Amino acid sequence: MPEFSTPQSSPPRSGGPTGHDGMNADATPFERVLRQSAERRARESSLVNRLFRPAIQKLADRTESIYKSANLDAVRFRLLRAGFPGGLRARDFMALKLVGLCLVPAMMTVYIPILGMITGWKFHPLAWLAVLTLSGWLGWRTPDIWLAIVTRKRQTEIQLALPDMIDLITISVEAGLGFYAAIQRVSLRFVNPLSDEFLRSLQEARLGRTNMEAMRDLMRRADVEDLTMFISSLIQAETLGVPIANVLRAQSERLRDKRRQRAREQAQKAPLKMLFPLVFFIFPALFVIILGPALLRAASSGF
């Protein structure tokens, strides 16, 4: 039977020695990662985020009564899947949607009269109503579109980081380290969404959940096909009693093969993607440079 035991760590002791970065040297690895992740997010936070996030939080506090009775669990899960970008909470995200619902129609109310003055067009009241309705819907949906883009980007980062991390986990397990201890050791060496998700699952296991429940939640939370197949194979290995090292080796080879196939697929798509820029941007410029002088000489000679 494979061993699925959560690695134990000694509890932090107050007043212990500190390292060169000012953190408690006796803190657990997960606490150090959390603190380093928070400091990194604080350093990488943009000026726009630092300026507008307090305003968004105040607006969320004042408008909370509007959607107080609404179920925000779906919004929380979507934010969790996206990694809580910018530290947004569910009510902050709803406040952003309300801002978009009001701001975009207000901008169109200012823009349409200016456009009518410039072009001389006169908009029918029904056209006004249609534009305001469409702009309100667009403002309401814009945060959802942005969140979907952030989620897709994060899933791509997880997919790209998975093969290398599984290779290192496999090497660690074959060297004699326990599976979850190997996950913790490898995750501490990487700074990417996948390592954050692994460490989150380990922390959930420390708080009382079973290892497999934490890994199933990771599978649903990340929603990446390769990671789903990897965790499903681990669950099946635990059920059937297959040695975990054999499963890891097979999954590592499978992920490397899928990465090569994905690279070949992207390479085959490249010529088609290059066709439109070549036809509409590069070829016309080449024709002007190559045929332009000849056409000018022919026109000047009266041909």
C-alpha atoms as a PDB file:
ATOM      1  CA  MET A   1       0.000   0.000   0.000  1.00  0.00           C
ATOM      2  CA  PRO A   2       1.361   3.467  -0.827  1.00  0.00           C
ATOM      3  CA  GLU A   3       1.929   5.804   2.034  1.00  0.00           C
ATOM      4  CA  PHE A   4      -0.276   8.925   1.982  1.00  0.00           C
ATOM      5  CA  SER A   5       0.735  10.603   5.209  1.00  0.00           C
ATOM      6  CA  THR A   6       0.902  14.341   5.568  1.00  0.00           C
ATOM      7  CA  PRO A   7       4.391  15.595   6.439  1.00  0.00           C
ATOM      8  CA  GLN A   8       4.558  16.881   9.971  1.00  0.00           C
ATOM      9  CA  SER A   9       6.196  20.124  10.882  1.00  0.00           C
ATOM     10  CA  SER A  10       7.169  21.487  14.238  1.00  0.00           C
ATOM     11  CA  PRO A  11       4.938  24.267  15.575  1.00  0.00           C
ATOM     12  CA  PRO A  12       6.367  27.770  15.506  1.00  0.00           C
ATOM     13  CA  ARG A  13       7.793  29.112  18.715  1.00  0.00           C
ATOM     14  CA  SER A  14       7.510  32.773  19.546  1.00  0.00           C
ATOM     15  CA  GLY A  15      10.633  34.671  20.290  1.00  0.00           C
ATOM     16  CA  GLY A  16      12.863  32.368  18.240  1.00  0.00           C
ATOM     17  CA  PRO A  17      15.768  33.469  16.089  1.00  0.00           C
ATOM     18  CA  THR A  18      15.071  35.258  12.866  1.00  0.00           C
ATOM     19  CA  GLY A  19      16.650  34.740   9.477  1.00  0.00           C
ATOM     20  CA  HIS A  20      18.230  37.268   7.198  1.00  0.00           C
ATOM     21  CA  ASP A  21      14.789  38.260   5.848  1.00  0.00           C
ATOM     22  CA  GLY A  22      13.425  39.045   9.308  1.00  0.00           C
ATOM     23  CA  MET A  23      11.102  36.027   9.492  1.00  0.00           C
ATOM     24  CA  ASN A  24      10.935  33.673  12.435  1.00  0.00           C
ATOM     25  CA  ALA A  25      13.404  30.862  11.830  1.00  0.00           C
ATOM     26  CA  ASP A  26      11.149  28.414  13.721  1.00  0.00           C
ATOM     27  CA  ALA A  27       8.113  29.109  11.514  1.00  0.00           C
ATOM     28  CA  THR A  28       6.754  26.212   9.511  1.00  0.00           C
ATOM     29  CA  PRO A  29       7.582  26.065   5.783  1.00  0.00           C
ATOM     30  CA  PHE A  30       3.962  26.763   4.898  1.00  0.00           C
ATOM     31  CA  GLU A  31       3.916  29.902   7.082  1.00  0.00           C
ATOM     32  CA  ARG A  32       7.099  31.128   5.445  1.00  0.00           C
ATOM     33  CA  VAL A  33       5.630  30.524   1.985  1.00  0.00           C
ATOM     34  CA  LEU A  34       2.432  32.357   2.908  1.00  0.00           C
ATOM     35  CA  ARG A  35       4.400  35.325   4.214  1.00  0.00           C
ATOM     36  CA  GLN A  36       6.709  35.398   1.194  1.00  0.00           C
ATOM     37  CA  SER A  37       3.707  35.133  -1.141  1.00  0.00           C
ATOM     38  CA  ALA A  38       1.971  38.038   0.617  1.00  0.00           C
ATOM     39  CA  GLU A  39       5.124  40.158   0.444  1.00  0.00           C
ATOM     40  CA  ARG A  40       5.565  39.322  -3.225  1.00  0.00           C
ATOM     41  CA  ARG A  41       1.963  40.280  -4.005  1.00  0.00           C
ATOM     42  CA  ALA A  42       2.432  43.535  -2.108  1.00  0.00           C
ATOM     43  CA  ARG A  43       5.557  44.350  -4.114  1.00  0.00           C
ATOM     44  CA  GLU A  44       3.968  43.394  -7.422  1.00  0.00           C
ATOM     45  CA  SER A  45       0.669  45.166  -6.802  1.00  0.00           C
ATOM     46  CA  SER A  46       0.146  47.836  -9.408  1.00  0.00           C
ATOM     47  CA  LEU A  47      -0.359  51.517  -8.772  1.00  0.00           C
ATOM     48  CA  VAL A  48      -3.928  51.250 -10.078  1.00  0.00           C
ATOM     49  CA  ASN A  49      -4.650  48.477  -7.570  1.00  0.00           C
ATOM     50  CA  ARG A  50      -3.244  50.481  -4.663  1.00  0.00           C
ATOM     51  CA  LEU A  51      -5.232  53.563  -5.691  1.00  0.00           C
ATOM     52  CA  PHE A  52      -8.611  52.025  -6.459  1.00  0.00           C
ATOM     53  CA  ARG A  53      -8.802  49.010  -4.149  1.00  0.00           C
ATOM     54  CA  PRO A  54      -9.691  51.100  -1.028  1.00  0.00           C
ATOM     55  CA  ALA A  55     -12.414  52.849  -3.017  1.00  0.00           C
ATOM     56  CA  ILE A  56     -13.774  49.495  -4.218  1.00  0.00           C
ATOM     57  CA  GLN A  57     -13.822  48.169  -0.656  1.00  0.00           C
ATOM     58  CA  LYS A  58     -15.707  51.231   0.594  1.00  0.00           C
ATOM     59  CA  LEU A  59     -18.190  50.901  -2.257  1.00  0.00           C
ATOM     60  CA  ALA A  60     -18.622  47.205  -1.444  1.00  0.00           C
ATOM     61  CA  ASP A  61     -19.383  48.059   2.180  1.00  0.00           C
ATOM     62  CA  ARG A  62     -22.022  50.598   1.155  1.00  0.00           C
ATOM     63  CA  THR A  63     -23.686  48.476  -1.535  1.00  0.00           C
ATOM     64  CA  GLU A  64     -23.624  45.198   0.374  1.00  0.00           C
ATOM     65  CA  SER A  65     -27.296  45.591   1.268  1.00  0.00           C
ATOM     66  CA  ILE A  66     -28.237  45.379  -2.441  1.00  0.00           C
ATOM     67  CA  TYR A  67     -26.971  41.823  -2.882  1.00  0.00           C
ATOM     68  CA  LYS A  68     -26.997  40.768   0.772  1.00  0.00           C
ATOM     69  CA  SER A  69     -29.648  38.118   0.161  1.00  0.00           C
ATOM     70  CA  ALA A  70     -27.912  36.805  -2.975  1.00  0.00           C
ATOM     71  CA  ASN A  71     -25.884  33.589  -2.880  1.00  0.00           C
ATOM     72  CA  LEU A  72     -22.263  34.521  -3.568  1.00  0.00           C
ATOM     73  CA  ASP A  73     -20.828  31.013  -3.315  1.00  0.00           C
ATOM     74  CA  ALA A  74     -20.502  30.730  -7.100  1.00  0.00           C
ATOM     75  CA  VAL A  75     -18.668  34.068  -7.226  1.00  0.00           C
ATOM     76  CA  ARG A  76     -16.338  32.961  -4.412  1.00  0.00           C
ATOM     77  CA  PHE A  77     -15.552  29.723  -6.234  1.00  0.00           C
ATOM     78  CA  ARG A  78     -14.762  31.581  -9.453  1.00  0.00           C
ATOM     79  CA  LEU A  79     -12.473  33.958  -7.580  1.00  0.00           C
ATOM     80  CA  LEU A  80     -10.831  30.985  -5.857  1.00  0.00           C
ATOM     81  CA  ARG A  81     -10.236  29.323  -9.222  1.00  0.00           C
ATOM     82  CA  ALA A  82      -8.652  32.550 -10.477  1.00  0.00           C
ATOM     83  CA  GLY A  83      -6.427  32.786  -7.388  1.00  0.00           C
ATOM     84  CA  PHE A  84      -8.241  35.815  -5.898  1.00  0.00           C
ATOM     85  CA  PRO A  85      -6.677  38.357  -8.296  1.00  0.00           C
ATOM     86  CA  GLY A  86      -5.866  41.632  -6.604  1.00  0.00           C
ATOM     87  CA  GLY A  87      -7.151  40.231  -3.319  1.00  0.00           C
ATOM     88  CA  LEU A  88     -10.753  40.685  -4.464  1.00  0.00           C
ATOM     89  CA  ARG A  89     -13.505  39.261  -2.304  1.00  0.00           C
ATOM     90  CA  ALA A  90     -16.927  38.241  -3.571  1.00  0.00           C
ATOM     91  CA  ARG A  91     -18.575  41.464  -2.457  1.00  0.00           C
ATOM     92  CA  ASP A  92     -15.742  43.514  -3.993  1.00  0.00           C
ATOM     93  CA  PHE A  93     -16.338  41.730  -7.285  1.00  0.00           C
ATOM     94  CA  MET A  94     -20.069  42.465  -7.098  1.00  0.00           C
ATOM     95  CA  ALA A  95     -19.237  46.111  -6.403  1.00  0.00           C
ATOM     96  CA  LEU A  96     -17.106  46.125  -9.567  1.00  0.00           C
ATOM     97  CA  LYS A  97     -20.055  44.775 -11.542  1.00  0.00           C
ATOM     98  CA  LEU A  98     -22.292  47.523 -10.159  1.00  0.00           C
ATOM     99  CA  VAL A  99     -19.674  50.127 -11.093  1.00  0.00           C
ATOM    100  CA  GLY A 100     -19.590  48.767 -14.640  1.00  0.00           C
ATOM    101  CA  LEU A 101     -23.378  48.713 -14.804  1.00  0.00           C
ATOM    102  CA  CYS A 102     -23.513  52.436 -13.961  1.00  0.00           C
ATOM    103  CA  LEU A 103     -20.281  53.716 -15.496  1.00  0.00           C
ATOM    104  CA  VAL A 104     -20.532  52.393 -19.053  1.00  0.00           C
ATOM    105  CA  PRO A 105     -24.073  53.754 -19.712  1.00  0.00           C
ATOM    106  CA  ALA A 106     -22.991  57.087 -18.202  1.00  0.00           C
ATOM    107  CA  MET A 107     -20.042  57.209 -20.597  1.00  0.00           C
ATOM    108  CA  MET A 108     -22.315  56.401 -23.533  1.00  0.00           C
ATOM    109  CA  THR A 109     -24.728  59.144 -22.414  1.00  0.00           C
ATOM    110  CA  VAL A 110     -21.867  61.633 -22.734  1.00  0.00           C
ATOM    111  CA  TYR A 111     -20.366  60.126 -25.884  1.00  0.00           C
ATOM    112  CA  ILE A 112     -23.510  59.810 -28.035  1.00  0.00           C
ATOM    113  CA  PRO A 113     -24.442  63.549 -28.022  1.00  0.00           C
ATOM    114  CA  ILE A 114     -20.843  64.462 -28.872  1.00  0.00           C
ATOM    115  CA  LEU A 115     -20.900  61.960 -31.739  1.00  0.00           C
ATOM    116  CA  GLY A 116     -24.217  63.407 -32.928  1.00  0.00           C
ATOM    117  CA  MET A 117     -22.784  66.949 -32.895  1.00  0.00           C
ATOM    118  CA  ILE A 118     -19.739  65.865 -34.910  1.00  0.00           C
ATOM    119  CA  THR A 119     -21.533  63.740 -37.496  1.00  0.00           C
ATOM    120  CA  GLY A 120     -24.876  65.499 -37.536  1.00  0.00           C
ATOM    121  CA  TRP A 121     -26.773  62.322 -36.763  1.00  0.00           C
ATOM    122  CA  LYS A 122     -29.985  62.368 -34.781  1.00  0.00           C
ATOM    123  CA  PHE A 123     -30.569  59.325 -32.618  1.00  0.00           C
ATOM    124  CA  HIS A 124     -34.074  57.956 -32.229  1.00  0.00           C
ATOM    125  CA  PRO A 125     -35.220  57.428 -28.618  1.00  0.00           C
ATOM    126  CA  LEU A 126     -35.468  53.706 -29.289  1.00  0.00           C
ATOM    127  CA  ALA A 127     -31.859  53.748 -30.491  1.00  0.00           C
ATOM    128  CA  TRP A 128     -30.904  55.554 -27.273  1.00  0.00           C
ATOM    129  CA  LEU A 129     -32.669  52.894 -25.235  1.00  0.00           C
ATOM    130  CA  ALA A 130     -30.996  50.072 -27.152  1.00  0.00           C
ATOM    131  CA  VAL A 131     -27.527  51.618 -26.773  1.00  0.00           C
ATOM    132  CA  LEU A 132     -27.975  52.233 -23.042  1.00  0.00           C
ATOM    133  CA  THR A 133     -29.302  48.704 -22.503  1.00  0.00           C
ATOM    134  CA  LEU A 134     -26.431  47.169 -24.451  1.00  0.00           C
ATOM    135  CA  SER A 135     -23.852  49.324 -22.684  1.00  0.00           C
ATOM    136  CA  GLY A 136     -25.330  48.423 -19.276  1.00  0.00           C
ATOM    137  CA  TRP A 137     -25.147  44.732 -20.110  1.00  0.00           C
ATOM    138  CA  LEU A 138     -21.555  45.169 -21.325  1.00  0.00           C
ATOM    139  CA  GLY A 139     -20.572  47.005 -18.148  1.00  0.00           C
ATOM    140  CA  TRP A 140     -22.149  44.287 -16.022  1.00  0.00           C
ATOM    141  CA  ARG A 141     -20.390  41.515 -17.948  1.00  0.00           C
ATOM    142  CA  THR A 142     -16.946  43.119 -18.267  1.00  0.00           C
ATOM    143  CA  PRO A 143     -15.707  41.941 -14.813  1.00  0.00           C
ATOM    144  CA  ASP A 144     -16.849  38.409 -15.678  1.00  0.00           C
ATOM    145  CA  ILE A 145     -14.912  38.507 -18.941  1.00  0.00           C
ATOM    146  CA  TRP A 146     -11.824  39.815 -17.143  1.00  0.00           C
ATOM    147  CA  LEU A 147     -12.117  37.104 -14.480  1.00  0.00           C
ATOM    148  CA  ALA A 148     -12.439  34.403 -17.152  1.00  0.00           C
ATOM    149  CA  ILE A 149      -9.256  35.677 -18.831  1.00  0.00           C
ATOM    150  CA  VAL A 150      -7.366  35.664 -15.516  1.00  0.00           C
ATOM    151  CA  THR A 151      -8.627  32.151 -14.750  1.00  0.00           C
ATOM    152  CA  ARG A 152      -7.567  30.859 -18.156  1.00  0.00           C
ATOM    153  CA  LYS A 153      -4.126  32.401 -17.769  1.00  0.00           C
ATOM    154  CA  ARG A 154      -3.705  30.778 -14.360  1.00  0.00           C
ATOM    155  CA  GLN A 155      -4.801  27.391 -15.694  1.00  0.00           C
ATOM    156  CA  THR A 156      -2.248  27.709 -18.486  1.00  0.00           C
ATOM    157  CA  GLU A 157       0.492  28.442 -15.945  1.00  0.00           C
ATOM    158  CA  ILE A 158      -0.534  25.369 -13.940  1.00  0.00           C
ATOM    159  CA  GLN A 159      -0.508  23.221 -17.061  1.00  0.00           C
ATOM    160  CA  LEU A 160       2.964  24.420 -18.043  1.00  0.00           C
ATOM    161  CA  ALA A 161       4.423  23.943 -14.558  1.00  0.00           C
ATOM    162  CA  LEU A 162       2.923  20.493 -13.936  1.00  0.00           C
ATOM    163  CA  PRO A 163       5.372  18.252 -15.916  1.00  0.00           C
ATOM    164  CA  ASP A 164       8.517  19.708 -14.328  1.00  0.00           C
ATOM    165  CA  MET A 165       7.083  19.543 -10.818  1.00  0.00           C
ATOM    166  CA  ILE A 166       5.896  15.952 -11.294  1.00  0.00           C
ATOM    167  CA  ASP A 167       9.383  14.997 -12.522  1.00  0.00           C
ATOM    168  CA  LEU A 168      10.958  16.426  -9.369  1.00  0.00           C
ATOM    169  CA  ILE A 169       8.316  14.813  -7.144  1.00  0.00           C
ATOM    170  CA  THR A 170       9.008  11.469  -8.840  1.00  0.00           C
ATOM    171  CA  ILE A 171      12.755  11.815  -8.254  1.00  0.00           C
ATOM    172  CA  SER A 172      12.170  12.729  -4.613  1.00  0.00           C
ATOM    173  CA  VAL A 173       9.863   9.746  -4.023  1.00  0.00           C
ATOM    174  CA  GLU A 174      12.294   7.346  -5.717  1.00  0.00           C
ATOM    175  CA  ALA A 175      15.038   8.738  -3.474  1.00  0.00           C
ATOM    176  CA  GLY A 176      13.044   7.630  -0.414  1.00  0.00           C
ATOM    177  CA  LEU A 177      10.993  10.702   0.483  1.00  0.00           C
ATOM    178  CA  GLY A 178       7.296  10.338   1.265  1.00  0.00           C
ATOM    179  CA  PHE A 179       4.830  11.471  -1.385  1.00  0.00           C
ATOM    180  CA  TYR A 180       3.391  14.448   0.466  1.00  0.00           C
ATOM    181  CA  ALA A 181       6.776  15.365   1.887  1.00  0.00           C
ATOM    182  CA  ALA A 182       8.053  15.390  -1.700  1.00  0.00           C
ATOM    183  CA  ILE A 183       5.171  17.626  -2.770  1.00  0.00           C
ATOM    184  CA  GLN A 184       5.989  20.058   0.033  1.00  0.00           C
ATOM    185  CA  ARG A 185       9.718  20.096  -0.712  1.00  0.00           C
ATOM    186  CA  VAL A 186       9.239  20.629  -4.447  1.00  0.00           C
ATOM    187  CA  SER A 187       6.485  23.249  -3.980  1.00  0.00           C
ATOM    188  CA  LEU A 188       8.749  25.294  -1.727  1.00  0.00           C
ATOM    189  CA  ARG A 189      11.282  25.512  -4.576  1.00  0.00           C
ATOM    190  CA  PHE A 190       8.825  26.959  -7.097  1.00  0.00           C
ATOM    191  CA  VAL A 191       6.839  30.194  -7.228  1.00  0.00           C
ATOM    192  CA  ASN A 192       3.834  29.476  -9.425  1.00  0.00           C
ATOM    193  CA  PRO A 193       0.087  28.835  -9.035  1.00  0.00           C
ATOM    194  CA  LEU A 194       0.550  25.060  -8.929  1.00  0.00           C
ATOM    195  CA  SER A 195       2.922  25.195  -5.952  1.00  0.00           C
ATOM    196  CA  ASP A 196       0.482  27.524  -4.174  1.00  0.00           C
ATOM    197  CA  GLU A 197      -2.343  25.047  -4.780  1.00  0.00           C
ATOM    198  CA  PHE A 198      -0.277  22.100  -3.542  1.00  0.00           C
ATOM    199  CA  LEU A 199       0.685  23.968  -0.379  1.00  0.00           C
ATOM    200  CA  ARG A 200      -2.934  24.945   0.177  1.00  0.00           C
ATOM    201  CA  SER A 201      -3.973  21.286  -0.039  1.00  0.00           C
ATOM    202  CA  LEU A 202      -1.255  20.274   2.424  1.00  0.00           C
ATOM    203  CA  GLN A 203      -2.422  22.932   4.844  1.00  0.00           C
ATOM    204  CA  GLU A 204      -6.021  21.722   4.549  1.00  0.00           C
ATOM    205  CA  ALA A 205      -4.797  18.225   5.387  1.00  0.00           C
ATOM    206  CA  ARG A 206      -3.026  19.592   8.459  1.00  0.00           C
ATOM    207  CA  LEU A 207      -6.261  21.220   9.577  1.00  0.00           C
ATOM    208  CA  GLY A 208      -8.082  17.892   9.700  1.00  0.00           C
ATOM    209  CA  ARG A 209      -9.191  16.950   6.202  1.00  0.00           C
ATOM    210  CA  THR A 210      -8.072  13.704   4.643  1.00  0.00           C
ATOM    211  CA  ASN A 211      -5.340  13.849   2.039  1.00  0.00           C
ATOM    212  CA  MET A 212      -7.554  12.568  -0.737  1.00  0.00           C
ATOM    213  CA  GLU A 213     -10.322  15.061   0.028  1.00  0.00           C
ATOM    214  CA  ALA A 214      -7.791  17.892  -0.136  1.00  0.00           C
ATOM    215  CA  MET A 215      -6.462  16.584  -3.459  1.00  0.00           C
ATOM    216  CA  ARG A 216      -9.984  16.229  -4.874  1.00  0.00           C
ATOM    217  CA  ASP A 217     -10.677  19.836  -3.930  1.00  0.00           C
ATOM    218  CA  LEU A 218      -7.445  20.816  -5.676  1.00  0.00           C
ATOM    219  CA  MET A 219      -8.620  18.952  -8.765  1.00  0.00           C
ATOM    220  CA  ARG A 220     -11.969  20.786  -8.817  1.00  0.00           C
ATOM    221  CA  ARG A 221     -10.393  24.119  -7.933  1.00  0.00           C
ATOM    222  CA  ALA A 222      -7.729  24.097 -10.634  1.00  0.00           C
ATOM    223  CA  ASP A 223      -9.902  22.521 -13.379  1.00  0.00           C
ATOM    224  CA  VAL A 224      -6.879  21.521 -15.499  1.00  0.00           C
ATOM    225  CA  GLU A 225      -7.203  18.300 -17.486  1.00  0.00           C
ATOM    226  CA  ASP A 226      -3.651  17.066 -16.918  1.00  0.00           C
ATOM    227  CA  LEU A 227      -3.809  17.743 -13.193  1.00  0.00           C
ATOM    228  CA  THR A 228      -7.221  16.050 -12.982  1.00  0.00           C
ATOM    229  CA  MET A 229      -5.868  12.891 -14.619  1.00  0.00           C
ATOM    230  CA  PHE A 230      -2.810  12.946 -12.361  1.00  0.00           C
ATOM    231  CA  ILE A 231      -4.829  13.199  -9.142  1.00  0.00           C
ATOM    232  CA  SER A 232      -7.339  10.609 -10.375  1.00  0.00           C
ATOM    233  CA  SER A 233      -4.488   8.174 -10.973  1.00  0.00           C
ATOM    234  CA  LEU A 234      -3.192   8.793  -7.438  1.00  0.00           C
ATOM    235  CA  ILE A 235      -6.631   8.096  -5.961  1.00  0.00           C
ATOM    236  CA  GLN A 236      -6.917   4.922  -8.007  1.00  0.00           C
ATOM    237  CA  ALA A 237      -3.423   3.849  -6.930  1.00  0.00           C
ATOM    238  CA  GLU A 238      -4.340   4.276  -3.275  1.00  0.00           C
ATOM    239  CA  THR A 239      -7.539   2.266  -3.800  1.00  0.00           C
ATOM    240  CA  LEU A 240      -5.814  -0.608  -5.625  1.00  0.00           C
ATOM    241  CA  GLY A 241      -2.616  -0.603  -3.586  1.00  0.00           C
ATOM    242  CA  VAL A 242      -0.295   0.180  -6.497  1.00  0.00           C
ATOM    243  CA  PRO A 243       3.150   1.514  -5.498  1.00  0.00           C
ATOM    244  CA  ILE A 244       3.077   5.288  -5.759  1.00  0.00           C
ATOM    245  CA  ALA A 245       6.522   5.461  -7.377  1.00  0.00           C
ATOM    246  CA  ASN A 246       5.314   3.431 -10.369  1.00  0.00           C
ATOM    247  CA  VAL A 247       2.280   5.682 -10.795  1.00  0.00           C
ATOM    248  CA  LEU A 248       4.408   8.815 -10.612  1.00  0.00           C
ATOM    249  CA  ARG A 249       6.858   7.457 -13.180  1.00  0.00           C
ATOM    250  CA  ALA A 250       4.054   6.571 -15.593  1.00  0.00           C
ATOM    251  CA  GLN A 251       2.343   9.945 -15.123  1.00  0.00           C
ATOM    252  CA  SER A 252       5.638  11.780 -15.601  1.00  0.00           C
ATOM    253  CA  GLU A 253       6.210  10.047 -18.939  1.00  0.00           C
ATOM    254  CA  ARG A 254       2.624  10.705 -20.003  1.00  0.00           C
ATOM    255  CA  LEU A 255       2.878  14.419 -19.184  1.00  0.00           C
ATOM    256  CA  ARG A 256       6.150  14.757 -21.091  1.00  0.00           C
ATOM    257  CA  ASP A 257       4.556  13.077 -24.121  1.00  0.00           C
ATOM    258  CA  LYS A 258       1.529  15.382 -23.918  1.00  0.00           C
ATOM    259  CA  ARG A 259       3.804  18.399 -23.681  1.00  0.00           C
ATOM    260  CA  ARG A 260       5.642  17.315 -26.836  1.00  0.00           C
ATOM    261  CA  GLN A 261       2.342  16.704 -28.639  1.00  0.00           C
ATOM    262  CA  ARG A 262       1.087  20.114 -27.545  1.00  0.00           C
ATOM    263  CA  ALA A 263       4.255  21.757 -28.854  1.00  0.00           C
ATOM    264  CA  ARG A 264       3.872  19.985 -32.217  1.00  0.00           C
ATOM    265  CA  GLU A 265       0.252  21.081 -32.400  1.00  0.00           C
ATOM    266  CA  GLN A 266       1.181  24.700 -31.751  1.00  0.00           C
ATOM    267  CA  ALA A 267       3.941  24.483 -34.373  1.00  0.00           C
ATOM    268  CA  GLN A 268       1.467  23.173 -36.963  1.00  0.00           C
ATOM    269  CA  LYS A 269      -0.902  26.053 -36.204  1.00  0.00           C
ATOM    270  CA  ALA A 270       1.816  28.673 -36.625  1.00  0.00           C
ATOM    271  CA  PRO A 271       1.712  28.889 -40.490  1.00  0.00           C
ATOM    272  CA  LEU A 272      -2.050  29.459 -40.453  1.00  0.00           C
ATOM    273  CA  LYS A 273      -1.733  32.137 -37.775  1.00  0.00           C
ATOM    274  CA  MET A 274       1.006  33.859 -39.788  1.00  0.00           C
ATOM    275  CA  LEU A 275      -1.062  33.874 -42.990  1.00  0.00           C
ATOM    276  CA  PHE A 276      -3.304  36.842 -42.131  1.00  0.00           C
ATOM    277  CA  PRO A 277      -0.498  39.219 -40.991  1.00  0.00           C
ATOM    278  CA  LEU A 278       1.492  38.285 -44.086  1.00  0.00           C
ATOM    279  CA  VAL A 279      -1.385  38.914 -46.497  1.00  0.00           C
ATOM    280  CA  PHE A 280      -2.745  42.115 -44.961  1.00  0.00           C
ATOM    281  CA  PHE A 281       0.376  43.817 -43.547  1.00  0.00           C
ATOM    282  CA  ILE A 282       3.687  42.430 -44.833  1.00  0.00           C
ATOM    283  CA  PHE A 283       2.905  41.638 -48.497  1.00  0.00           C
ATOM    284  CA  PRO A 284       1.367  45.088 -49.243  1.00  0.00           C
ATOM    285  CA  ALA A 285       4.460  46.799 -47.826  1.00  0.00           C
ATOM    286  CA  LEU A 286       6.732  44.546 -49.897  1.00  0.00           C
ATOM    287  CA  PHE A 287       4.724  45.260 -53.047  1.00  0.00           C
ATOM    288  CA  VAL A 288       5.001  48.990 -52.445  1.00  0.00           C
ATOM    289  CA  ILE A 289       8.769  48.780 -51.938  1.00  0.00           C
ATOM    290  CA  ILE A 290       9.442  46.419 -54.859  1.00  0.00           C
ATOM    291  CA  LEU A 291       6.903  47.598 -57.457  1.00  0.00           C
ATOM    292  CA  GLY A 292       6.574  51.229 -56.358  1.00  0.00           C
ATOM    293  CA  PRO A 293       9.689  52.586 -58.144  1.00  0.00           C
ATOM    294  CA  ALA A 294       8.869  50.654 -61.322  1.00  0.00           C
ATOM    295  CA  LEU A 295       5.307  52.003 -61.369  1.00  0.00           C
ATOM    296  CA  LEU A 296       6.545  55.567 -60.797  1.00  0.00           C
ATOM    297  CA  ARG A 297       9.040  55.286 -63.704  1.00  0.00           C
ATOM    298  CA  ALA A 298       6.361  53.814 -65.939  1.00  0.00           C
ATOM    299  CA  ALA A 299       3.960  56.615 -65.060  1.00  0.00           C
ATOM    300  CA  SER A 300       6.604  59.309 -65.663  1.00  0.00           C
ATOM    301  CA  SER A 301       7.520  57.846 -69.082  1.00  0.00           C
ATOM    302  CA  GLY A 302       3.867  57.935 -70.145  1.00  0.00           C
ATOM    303  CA  PHE A 303       3.467  54.158 -70.459  1.00  0.00           C
END
